[in-house]
Structure formats: structure tokens, C-alpha cells
Protein backbone atom coordinates (compact mmCIF):
# COMPACT_ATOMS: atom_id res chain seq x y z
CA MET A 1 0.07 -0.29 0.08
CA LEU A 2 3.09 2.65 0.44
CA HIS A 3 3.81 2.02 -3.30
CA ASN A 4 -0.05 3.34 -3.74
CA PHE A 5 0.14 6.78 -1.39
CA PHE A 6 3.89 7.14 -2.93
CA PHE A 7 2.48 7.08 -6.48
CA ILE A 8 -0.12 9.45 -5.10
CA ASN A 9 1.92 12.20 -3.65
CA LYS A 10 4.70 12.01 -6.55
CA ASN A 11 1.57 12.71 -9.72
CA ILE A 12 -1.12 15.50 -8.19
CA LYS A 13 0.09 18.51 -9.71
CA THR A 14 -2.32 20.62 -8.56
CA ASN A 15 -4.84 21.33 -5.30
CA LYS A 16 -5.77 18.16 -4.09
CA ARG A 17 -9.39 16.93 -5.18
CA ILE A 18 -10.84 13.53 -4.48
CA SER A 19 -14.24 11.96 -5.49
CA PHE A 20 -15.41 8.96 -3.82
CA ILE A 21 -17.65 6.78 -6.34
CA PRO A 22 -19.73 4.15 -4.17
CA ALA A 23 -21.14 0.58 -5.68
CA SER A 24 -24.62 2.05 -4.31
CA PHE A 25 -25.57 5.58 -4.83
CA ASN A 26 -28.33 4.96 -2.25
CA GLU A 27 -26.50 3.45 1.29
CA TYR A 28 -25.03 6.88 2.10
CA ASP A 29 -23.92 5.96 6.00
CA ALA A 30 -22.11 3.36 4.31
CA ASN A 31 -20.46 5.31 1.37
CA ASP A 32 -19.63 7.93 4.14
CA HIS A 33 -18.21 4.70 6.39
CA SER A 34 -15.71 3.52 3.25
CA ALA A 35 -14.63 6.98 2.72
CA ASN A 36 -13.36 8.04 5.83
CA LYS A 37 -12.03 5.00 6.43
CA LEU A 38 -10.19 5.61 3.34
CA LEU A 39 -8.84 9.36 3.93
CA SER A 40 -8.10 8.32 8.03
CA LEU A 41 -5.41 6.01 5.92
CA PHE A 42 -4.32 8.95 3.53
CA ALA A 43 -3.94 11.62 6.51
CA ASN A 44 -2.00 8.49 8.16
CA LYS A 45 0.72 8.82 5.61
CA LYS A 46 0.51 13.03 5.52
CA MET A 47 -1.96 13.26 2.37
CA TYR A 48 -5.40 15.99 3.03
CA PHE A 49 -7.50 16.71 0.80
CA LYS A 50 -9.01 20.34 -0.26
CA ASN A 51 -11.84 19.36 -1.77
CA ILE A 52 -13.82 15.34 -0.97
CA LYS A 53 -16.62 14.56 -2.46
CA ILE A 54 -18.85 11.53 -2.59
CA ILE A 55 -20.77 10.43 -5.76
CA ASP A 56 -24.37 9.71 -4.59
CA ASN A 57 -27.52 10.28 -5.03
CA ARG A 58 -27.35 13.29 -2.99
CA MET A 59 -26.52 15.06 -5.80
CA SER A 60 -27.24 16.18 -9.28
CA LYS A 61 -26.50 14.44 -11.90
CA ASN A 62 -24.49 17.44 -13.10
CA GLU A 63 -23.46 18.05 -9.79
CA MET A 64 -21.62 14.20 -10.51
CA ILE A 65 -20.26 14.86 -13.41
CA ASN A 66 -19.19 18.75 -12.37
CA ASN A 67 -17.57 17.09 -8.89
CA ILE A 68 -15.92 14.47 -11.03
CA LYS A 69 -14.36 16.85 -13.58
CA ASN A 70 -12.41 19.13 -11.02
CA SER A 71 -11.26 16.30 -9.33
CA ASN A 72 -7.44 14.84 -9.40
CA ILE A 73 -8.32 11.38 -8.25
CA VAL A 74 -11.27 9.62 -8.86
CA PHE A 75 -11.60 6.69 -6.02
CA LEU A 76 -14.09 3.46 -7.26
CA LEU A 77 -14.77 1.96 -3.86
CA GLY A 78 -15.98 -1.93 -3.03
CA GLY A 79 -19.12 -3.24 -2.66
CA ASP A 80 -21.92 -4.96 -5.49
CA THR A 81 -20.29 -4.73 -8.97
CA LEU A 82 -23.25 -5.41 -11.25
CA LYS A 83 -25.00 -2.27 -9.01
CA GLN A 84 -21.99 -0.24 -9.08
CA ILE A 85 -21.53 -0.35 -13.04
CA ASP A 86 -25.21 0.10 -13.37
CA TYR A 87 -24.68 3.26 -11.76
CA ILE A 88 -22.29 4.43 -13.48
CA ASN A 89 -24.53 3.38 -16.85
CA LYS A 90 -27.01 5.36 -15.36
CA TYR A 91 -26.06 8.65 -15.04
CA ASN A 92 -23.35 8.79 -18.15
CA LEU A 93 -19.98 8.86 -16.02
CA LYS A 94 -17.93 7.29 -18.25
CA ALA A 95 -16.82 9.02 -20.00
CA VAL A 96 -16.31 11.77 -17.28
CA ILE A 97 -14.54 9.15 -15.07
CA LYS A 98 -11.95 8.35 -18.19
CA ASN A 99 -10.08 10.72 -17.83
CA LYS A 100 -6.07 10.98 -18.65
CA HIS A 101 -5.29 13.50 -16.23
CA LYS A 102 -6.51 12.23 -13.06
CA ILE A 103 -5.24 9.04 -11.25
CA ILE A 104 -8.15 6.72 -11.32
CA ILE A 105 -8.07 4.42 -8.37
CA GLY A 106 -9.96 1.20 -7.78
CA ILE A 107 -10.22 -1.49 -4.92
CA SER A 108 -13.02 -4.65 -5.26
CA ALA A 109 -15.43 -4.01 -7.12
CA GLY A 110 -14.60 -0.66 -8.59
CA ALA A 111 -11.22 -2.56 -9.98
CA ILE A 112 -12.68 -5.08 -11.82
CA ASN A 113 -14.85 -2.24 -13.36
CA MET A 114 -11.86 -0.21 -14.70
CA ALA A 115 -11.62 -3.09 -17.32
CA GLU A 116 -12.18 -2.59 -20.66
CA LYS A 117 -14.15 -5.63 -21.33
CA VAL A 118 -15.04 -7.37 -17.60
CA VAL A 119 -15.35 -10.99 -17.49
CA LEU A 120 -16.92 -11.00 -14.27
CA ALA A 121 -17.51 -15.10 -12.76
CA LYS A 122 -20.46 -16.31 -10.48
CA ASP A 123 -19.88 -15.84 -7.03
CA LYS A 124 -23.11 -15.75 -5.27
CA ASP A 125 -21.40 -14.93 -1.77
CA ASP A 126 -21.06 -11.32 -4.28
CA ASN A 127 -24.21 -11.17 -5.49
CA ILE A 128 -22.99 -12.20 -8.76
CA PRO A 129 -25.80 -14.91 -9.41
CA GLN A 130 -24.20 -16.01 -12.52
CA LEU A 131 -21.71 -15.19 -15.58
CA SER A 132 -21.11 -11.68 -16.63
CA ILE A 133 -19.84 -10.29 -19.57
CA TYR A 134 -19.73 -5.94 -19.69
CA ASP A 135 -18.44 -3.11 -20.93
CA GLY A 136 -16.23 -1.32 -18.02
CA LEU A 137 -14.56 2.05 -18.33
CA ALA A 138 -11.60 1.07 -20.53
CA ILE A 139 -9.45 2.62 -18.15
CA THR A 140 -7.19 -0.80 -18.15
CA PRO A 141 -7.12 -4.17 -21.15
CA LEU A 142 -6.58 -5.73 -17.41
CA ASN A 143 -9.39 -7.99 -16.00
CA ILE A 144 -9.09 -9.11 -12.63
CA GLU A 145 -10.22 -11.27 -9.56
CA PRO A 146 -9.63 -9.71 -6.43
CA HIS A 147 -9.19 -10.97 -2.65
CA CYS A 148 -9.23 -14.36 -4.19
CA ASP A 149 -9.50 -17.30 -1.89
CA PHE A 150 -7.39 -19.94 -3.84
CA LYS A 151 -8.54 -22.74 -1.56
CA ASN A 152 -12.23 -21.91 -2.57
CA THR A 153 -12.59 -25.54 -5.16
CA GLU A 154 -16.53 -23.77 -6.06
CA HIS A 155 -15.63 -20.72 -6.89
CA TRP A 156 -12.26 -21.65 -8.40
CA LYS A 157 -15.05 -23.56 -10.86
CA ASP A 158 -16.60 -20.76 -11.51
CA LEU A 159 -13.64 -18.79 -12.95
CA THR A 160 -12.22 -21.11 -15.00
CA ASP A 161 -15.74 -21.48 -16.66
CA ALA A 162 -14.84 -17.31 -17.37
CA SER A 163 -11.28 -17.74 -17.98
CA LYS A 164 -12.82 -19.24 -21.54
CA TYR A 165 -14.03 -16.00 -22.05
CA SER A 166 -10.93 -14.18 -21.15
CA ARG A 167 -7.40 -13.75 -19.41
CA ILE A 168 -8.53 -12.85 -15.88
CA ILE A 169 -5.76 -12.35 -13.22
CA ILE A 170 -6.32 -13.74 -10.26
CA MET A 171 -4.76 -11.71 -7.13
CA ASN A 172 -5.01 -12.46 -3.16
CA ASP A 173 -5.96 -9.40 -0.41
CA ASP A 174 -2.10 -8.14 -0.64
CA CYS A 175 -1.59 -8.04 -4.65
CA PHE A 176 -1.76 -4.54 -5.98
CA ILE A 177 -1.14 -2.94 -10.10
CA ILE A 178 -0.02 0.35 -10.69
CA GLY A 179 -0.27 1.42 -14.24
CA ASN A 180 1.25 4.44 -15.41
CA ASP A 181 0.85 4.94 -19.10
CA ASP A 182 1.57 1.88 -20.91
CA LYS A 183 3.80 0.64 -18.05
CA ILE A 184 1.98 -1.77 -15.64
CA LYS A 185 4.33 -2.72 -11.97
CA TYR A 186 2.42 -5.65 -9.74
CA TYR A 187 2.69 -6.59 -5.60
CA GLY A 188 2.13 -8.88 -4.24
CA ILE A 189 0.92 -13.18 -5.24
CA TYR A 190 -0.73 -12.83 -8.63
CA LEU A 191 -1.17 -15.47 -11.16
CA TYR A 192 -3.23 -15.81 -14.69
CA LEU A 193 -5.85 -18.55 -15.53
CA LYS A 194 -6.89 -18.23 -19.17
CA ASN A 195 -8.87 -21.57 -20.98
CA GLY A 196 -8.44 -23.05 -17.18
CA THR A 197 -4.63 -22.58 -17.07
CA ILE A 198 -2.62 -21.30 -14.78
CA THR A 199 0.63 -18.54 -15.23
CA TYR A 200 2.44 -18.34 -12.70
CA ASN A 201 5.84 -17.01 -12.63
CA GLY A 202 5.50 -17.41 -16.54
CA ARG A 203 5.24 -20.48 -16.34
CA GLU A 204 2.37 -23.02 -16.68
CA CYS A 205 1.10 -24.44 -13.32
CA THR A 206 -1.34 -26.91 -11.46
CA LEU A 207 -2.95 -24.82 -8.88
CA GLU A 208 -1.51 -26.67 -6.21
CA CYS A 209 1.67 -27.03 -6.99
CA PHE A 210 1.00 -22.99 -7.58
CA LEU A 211 -0.73 -23.15 -3.92
CA LYS A 212 2.96 -25.06 -2.38
CA GLU A 213 5.11 -22.68 -3.74
CA VAL A 214 3.24 -19.48 -2.14
CA LYS A 215 2.57 -21.08 0.53
CA LEU A 216 -1.16 -20.76 1.26
């Protein structure tokens, strides 16, 4: 996480303005709690913001667009992945979010929805009743599965099915990715899954070998 804060501090050139985009635009208490928790993490690294906005239904559509447009950082929060992209589409926020002059951060659902084409494996625990394929924000070509429990055999089957449609980067909770122009850097434990085949550290392997090697 330290690399994230260093990258943000280094790349903000003007007054620090941040907009948080939650998964639900109607759950105001939860949205405030999530934003405040993250702001505390920023403050612990001596990073403070002059303007803070939470993009939800307490604003009009025009206010949402103007606040995002004027932000240096857009932070896509976690939660219900499908609900988040539905709200983004409902208020036509894609174009204003996707701006090369902004730092865009995504965690969990927000990171998933940053992909150009999202291939989302079935996951009943995350309110994803079936395999879902849709147009994401097209901020990155990477399609990810965050905070994965590699030992969950039922969900692994669903991920394997989804990997027939796209290469998926499977990540654990300690993994994150930083992209700057065409440069992409990975931190933590992750693997690639495509057509049911695992690639880890540049070579194909089985799930059992991967788990043994990374001691999970």
C-alpha cells in the first residue's frame, strides 16, 4: 500500500481534489464510512485533500459530472460490482471518469469495473448469480479477480469457466497493480488464468503447485 501513496503524492500536480464513487448510490451511511476510512489512511501518510466529494444520489447528475471533472483523484470503491457499473451507466459517468489527467484508483468492485471488457465469474456470495460479461470503464485492458480465496474449490470452478472468455488476473488481498501510461507494475501474489490454464511466474502450473510454492 505504501507504493500507492507514494505514486499518488508524486503525481498530483495541483490542489488535491478527490471524488469517491461507491457501489450503491443510495447507501449514504455506508458510503460516508468507506470514504472516511480511506481518508484516515491517506492522513496517516500526511496526505490531505482540499475538496472531498462522495458521488451518490445526494447530488444531481450535473453535480456528479462536475465534481468528477474537477477532481485530481477518482476513487472507485468496493461493494456490489454489478450495481456500481449500473449506476455509472445510469448517470453517464464513464467519459468523465476516464480522463488521462486524473489518477484513478479502484478497489475490489471498483478495480474490476476499470477493465475494458469485464468478465465476472459467478459468485453468489458477492451477489453475482451468473457469469457476467459487459463493457467496463475501459481504463485498463486488465481483467481481474481481487481478494481471491485460492482454496475455494467451488468458486475456482466458476473462475475457470469465466477464463474461457478472457485472461483473468487472480489476486489475493495483498496484491495491487499500478499503471502509468503503458507501464504496469504488480505487487503481491497473483496468477493468470486463461482457458483453465494457470500461469505463474512466467510458466504454466497446477493450482496445487501454485499453492505449495506460495505457501498458501
